[in-house]
Amino acid sequence: MTLVSVFSHLLTVPIRKSYASMLYMPEVSLIMSFYMFVFLKCINRMF
């Protein structure tokens, strides 16, 4: 396994777990999507 696949795997596992909890708690999904939006904007500024 390459480093990229390990990194993407580490990212997708918590996303899958949080997605399962999103189905039960909609307000958590709103917070998670907000943090992901801010996180992506920060990445776009860096590169």
PDB file of N, CA and C in Angstrom:
ATOM      1  N   MET A   1       0.840  -1.203   0.000  1.00  0.00           N
ATOM      2  CA  MET A   1       0.000   0.000   0.000  1.00  0.00           C
ATOM      3  C   MET A   1       0.869   1.244   0.000  1.00  0.00           C
ATOM      4  N   THR A   2       0.507   2.180  -0.838  1.00  0.00           N
ATOM      5  CA  THR A   2       1.269   3.418  -0.894  1.00  0.00           C
ATOM      6  C   THR A   2       0.830   4.354   0.217  1.00  0.00           C
ATOM      7  N   LEU A   3       1.595   5.415   0.396  1.00  0.00           N
ATOM      8  CA  LEU A   3       1.302   6.386   1.451  1.00  0.00           C
ATOM      9  C   LEU A   3      -0.016   7.104   1.187  1.00  0.00           C
ATOM     10  N   VAL A   4      -0.303   7.358  -0.079  1.00  0.00           N
ATOM     11  CA  VAL A   4      -1.537   8.069  -0.440  1.00  0.00           C
ATOM     12  C   VAL A   4      -2.763   7.230  -0.109  1.00  0.00           C
ATOM     13  N   SER A   5      -2.698   5.935  -0.399  1.00  0.00           N
ATOM     14  CA  SER A   5      -3.838   5.062  -0.129  1.00  0.00           C
ATOM     15  C   SER A   5      -4.056   4.894   1.376  1.00  0.00           C
ATOM     16  N   VAL A   6      -2.962   4.865   2.135  1.00  0.00           N
ATOM     17  CA  VAL A   6      -3.085   4.784   3.599  1.00  0.00           C
ATOM     18  C   VAL A   6      -3.721   6.055   4.136  1.00  0.00           C
ATOM     19  N   PHE A   7      -3.289   7.199   3.607  1.00  0.00           N
ATOM     20  CA  PHE A   7      -3.805   8.489   4.051  1.00  0.00           C
ATOM     21  C   PHE A   7      -5.279   8.631   3.715  1.00  0.00           C
ATOM     22  N   SER A   8      -5.655   8.223   2.500  1.00  0.00           N
ATOM     23  CA  SER A   8      -7.056   8.309   2.092  1.00  0.00           C
ATOM     24  C   SER A   8      -7.913   7.332   2.890  1.00  0.00           C
ATOM     25  N   HIS A   9      -7.326   6.188   3.246  1.00  0.00           N
ATOM     26  CA  HIS A   9      -8.056   5.212   4.057  1.00  0.00           C
ATOM     27  C   HIS A   9      -8.315   5.765   5.459  1.00  0.00           C
ATOM     28  N   LEU A  10      -7.307   6.448   6.013  1.00  0.00           N
ATOM     29  CA  LEU A  10      -7.461   7.051   7.333  1.00  0.00           C
ATOM     30  C   LEU A  10      -8.499   8.163   7.315  1.00  0.00           C
ATOM     31  N   LEU A  11      -8.647   8.813   6.164  1.00  0.00           N
ATOM     32  CA  LEU A  11      -9.656   9.863   6.049  1.00  0.00           C
ATOM     33  C   LEU A  11     -11.050   9.289   5.876  1.00  0.00           C
ATOM     34  N   THR A  12     -11.165   8.219   5.097  1.00  0.00           N
ATOM     35  CA  THR A  12     -12.498   7.702   4.774  1.00  0.00           C
ATOM     36  C   THR A  12     -13.130   6.932   5.923  1.00  0.00           C
ATOM     37  N   VAL A  13     -12.308   6.326   6.788  1.00  0.00           N
ATOM     38  CA  VAL A  13     -12.875   5.564   7.908  1.00  0.00           C
ATOM     39  C   VAL A  13     -13.653   6.452   8.882  1.00  0.00           C
ATOM     40  N   PRO A  14     -13.082   7.589   9.365  1.00  0.00           N
ATOM     41  CA  PRO A  14     -13.887   8.448  10.237  1.00  0.00           C
ATOM     42  C   PRO A  14     -15.070   9.079   9.510  1.00  0.00           C
ATOM     43  N   ILE A  15     -14.918   9.320   8.211  1.00  0.00           N
ATOM     44  CA  ILE A  15     -16.020   9.893   7.437  1.00  0.00           C
ATOM     45  C   ILE A  15     -17.167   8.900   7.362  1.00  0.00           C
ATOM     46  N   ARG A  16     -16.847   7.632   7.174  1.00  0.00           N
ATOM     47  CA  ARG A  16     -17.894   6.603   7.127  1.00  0.00           C
ATOM     48  C   ARG A  16     -18.582   6.465   8.485  1.00  0.00           C
ATOM     49  N   LYS A  17     -17.800   6.520   9.551  1.00  0.00           N
ATOM     50  CA  LYS A  17     -18.375   6.411  10.897  1.00  0.00           C
ATOM     51  C   LYS A  17     -19.252   7.613  11.210  1.00  0.00           C
ATOM     52  N   SER A  18     -18.788   8.799  10.836  1.00  0.00           N
ATOM     53  CA  SER A  18     -19.576   9.996  11.104  1.00  0.00           C
ATOM     54  C   SER A  18     -20.810  10.024  10.212  1.00  0.00           C
ATOM     55  N   TYR A  19     -20.700   9.436   9.011  1.00  0.00           N
ATOM     56  CA  TYR A  19     -21.856   9.369   8.115  1.00  0.00           C
ATOM     57  C   TYR A  19     -22.940   8.484   8.710  1.00  0.00           C
ATOM     58  N   ALA A  20     -22.532   7.418   9.387  1.00  0.00           N
ATOM     59  CA  ALA A  20     -23.498   6.536  10.034  1.00  0.00           C
ATOM     60  C   ALA A  20     -24.198   7.265  11.182  1.00  0.00           C
ATOM     61  N   SER A  21     -23.460   8.085  11.911  1.00  0.00           N
ATOM     62  CA  SER A  21     -24.066   8.841  13.008  1.00  0.00           C
ATOM     63  C   SER A  21     -24.901  10.008  12.492  1.00  0.00           C
ATOM     64  N   MET A  22     -24.579  10.473  11.264  1.00  0.00           N
ATOM     65  CA  MET A  22     -25.348  11.558  10.655  1.00  0.00           C
ATOM     66  C   MET A  22     -26.794  11.150  10.419  1.00  0.00           C
ATOM     67  N   LEU A  23     -26.983   9.869  10.091  1.00  0.00           N
ATOM     68  CA  LEU A  23     -28.329   9.380   9.809  1.00  0.00           C
ATOM     69  C   LEU A  23     -29.209   9.458  11.053  1.00  0.00           C
ATOM     70  N   TYR A  24     -28.579   9.394  12.221  1.00  0.00           N
ATOM     71  CA  TYR A  24     -29.337   9.453  13.471  1.00  0.00           C
ATOM     72  C   TYR A  24     -29.394  10.873  14.027  1.00  0.00           C
ATOM     73  N   MET A  25     -28.325  11.649  13.786  1.00  0.00           N
ATOM     74  CA  MET A  25     -28.260  13.010  14.326  1.00  0.00           C
ATOM     75  C   MET A  25     -28.025  14.021  13.216  1.00  0.00           C
ATOM     76  N   PRO A  26     -29.063  14.650  12.690  1.00  0.00           N
ATOM     77  CA  PRO A  26     -28.918  15.609  11.583  1.00  0.00           C
ATOM     78  C   PRO A  26     -28.112  16.843  11.955  1.00  0.00           C
ATOM     79  N   GLU A  27     -28.195  17.277  13.201  1.00  0.00           N
ATOM     80  CA  GLU A  27     -27.453  18.485  13.587  1.00  0.00           C
ATOM     81  C   GLU A  27     -25.951  18.235  13.570  1.00  0.00           C
ATOM     82  N   VAL A  28     -25.558  16.982  13.813  1.00  0.00           N
ATOM     83  CA  VAL A  28     -24.136  16.636  13.742  1.00  0.00           C
ATOM     84  C   VAL A  28     -23.641  16.750  12.299  1.00  0.00           C
ATOM     85  N   SER A  29     -24.481  16.357  11.349  1.00  0.00           N
ATOM     86  CA  SER A  29     -24.099  16.424   9.942  1.00  0.00           C
ATOM     87  C   SER A  29     -23.921  17.865   9.494  1.00  0.00           C
ATOM     88  N   LEU A  30     -24.722  18.772  10.041  1.00  0.00           N
ATOM     89  CA  LEU A  30     -24.580  20.184   9.704  1.00  0.00           C
ATOM     90  C   LEU A  30     -23.243  20.724  10.199  1.00  0.00           C
ATOM     91  N   ILE A  31     -22.877  20.338  11.426  1.00  0.00           N
ATOM     92  CA  ILE A  31     -21.600  20.775  11.993  1.00  0.00           C
ATOM     93  C   ILE A  31     -20.440  20.172  11.218  1.00  0.00           C
ATOM     94  N   MET A  32     -20.549  18.871  10.886  1.00  0.00           N
ATOM     95  CA  MET A  32     -19.486  18.191  10.154  1.00  0.00           C
ATOM     96  C   MET A  32     -19.290  18.794   8.771  1.00  0.00           C
ATOM     97  N   SER A  33     -20.382  19.073   8.074  1.00  0.00           N
ATOM     98  CA  SER A  33     -20.278  19.642   6.731  1.00  0.00           C
ATOM     99  C   SER A  33     -19.694  21.051   6.792  1.00  0.00           C
ATOM    100  N   PHE A  34     -19.992  21.788   7.856  1.00  0.00           N
ATOM    101  CA  PHE A  34     -19.430  23.127   8.022  1.00  0.00           C
ATOM    102  C   PHE A  34     -17.922  23.058   8.230  1.00  0.00           C
ATOM    103  N   TYR A  35     -17.481  22.126   9.100  1.00  0.00           N
ATOM    104  CA  TYR A  35     -16.053  21.972   9.333  1.00  0.00           C
ATOM    105  C   TYR A  35     -15.317  21.496   8.081  1.00  0.00           C
ATOM    106  N   MET A  36     -15.954  20.596   7.318  1.00  0.00           N
ATOM    107  CA  MET A  36     -15.338  20.124   6.078  1.00  0.00           C
ATOM    108  C   MET A  36     -15.209  21.267   5.072  1.00  0.00           C
ATOM    109  N   PHE A  37     -16.209  22.144   5.035  1.00  0.00           N
ATOM    110  CA  PHE A  37     -16.185  23.299   4.138  1.00  0.00           C
ATOM    111  C   PHE A  37     -15.050  24.246   4.498  1.00  0.00           C
ATOM    112  N   VAL A  38     -14.906  24.524   5.783  1.00  0.00           N
ATOM    113  CA  VAL A  38     -13.821  25.405   6.255  1.00  0.00           C
ATOM    114  C   VAL A  38     -12.465  24.762   5.993  1.00  0.00           C
ATOM    115  N   PHE A  39     -12.381  23.443   6.230  1.00  0.00           N
ATOM    116  CA  PHE A  39     -11.143  22.694   6.031  1.00  0.00           C
ATOM    117  C   PHE A  39     -10.707  22.740   4.563  1.00  0.00           C
ATOM    118  N   LEU A  40     -11.659  22.569   3.647  1.00  0.00           N
ATOM    119  CA  LEU A  40     -11.346  22.607   2.223  1.00  0.00           C
ATOM    120  C   LEU A  40     -10.943  24.004   1.784  1.00  0.00           C
ATOM    121  N   LYS A  41     -11.553  25.026   2.362  1.00  0.00           N
ATOM    122  CA  LYS A  41     -11.177  26.394   2.013  1.00  0.00           C
ATOM    123  C   LYS A  41      -9.763  26.706   2.475  1.00  0.00           C
ATOM    124  N   CYS A  42      -9.385  26.169   3.647  1.00  0.00           N
ATOM    125  CA  CYS A  42      -8.027  26.377   4.161  1.00  0.00           C
ATOM    126  C   CYS A  42      -7.003  25.684   3.273  1.00  0.00           C
ATOM    127  N   ILE A  43      -7.346  24.491   2.772  1.00  0.00           N
ATOM    128  CA  ILE A  43      -6.448  23.761   1.878  1.00  0.00           C
ATOM    129  C   ILE A  43      -6.271  24.517   0.570  1.00  0.00           C
ATOM    130  N   ASN A  44      -7.342  25.095   0.064  1.00  0.00           N
ATOM    131  CA  ASN A  44      -7.268  25.849  -1.187  1.00  0.00           C
ATOM    132  C   ASN A  44      -6.399  27.092  -1.040  1.00  0.00           C
ATOM    133  N   ARG A  45      -6.386  27.684   0.146  1.00  0.00           N
ATOM    134  CA  ARG A  45      -5.543  28.854   0.373  1.00  0.00           C
ATOM    135  C   ARG A  45      -4.074  28.469   0.435  1.00  0.00           C
ATOM    136  N   MET A  46      -3.786  27.304   1.023  1.00  0.00           N
ATOM    137  CA  MET A  46      -2.393  26.886   1.190  1.00  0.00           C
ATOM    138  C   MET A  46      -1.736  26.563  -0.149  1.00  0.00           C
ATOM    139  N   PHE A  47      -2.482  25.894  -1.052  1.00  0.00           N
ATOM    140  CA  PHE A  47      -1.879  25.478  -2.318  1.00  0.00           C
ATOM    141  C   PHE A  47      -2.161  26.469  -3.434  1.00  0.00           C
TER     142      PHE A  47
END
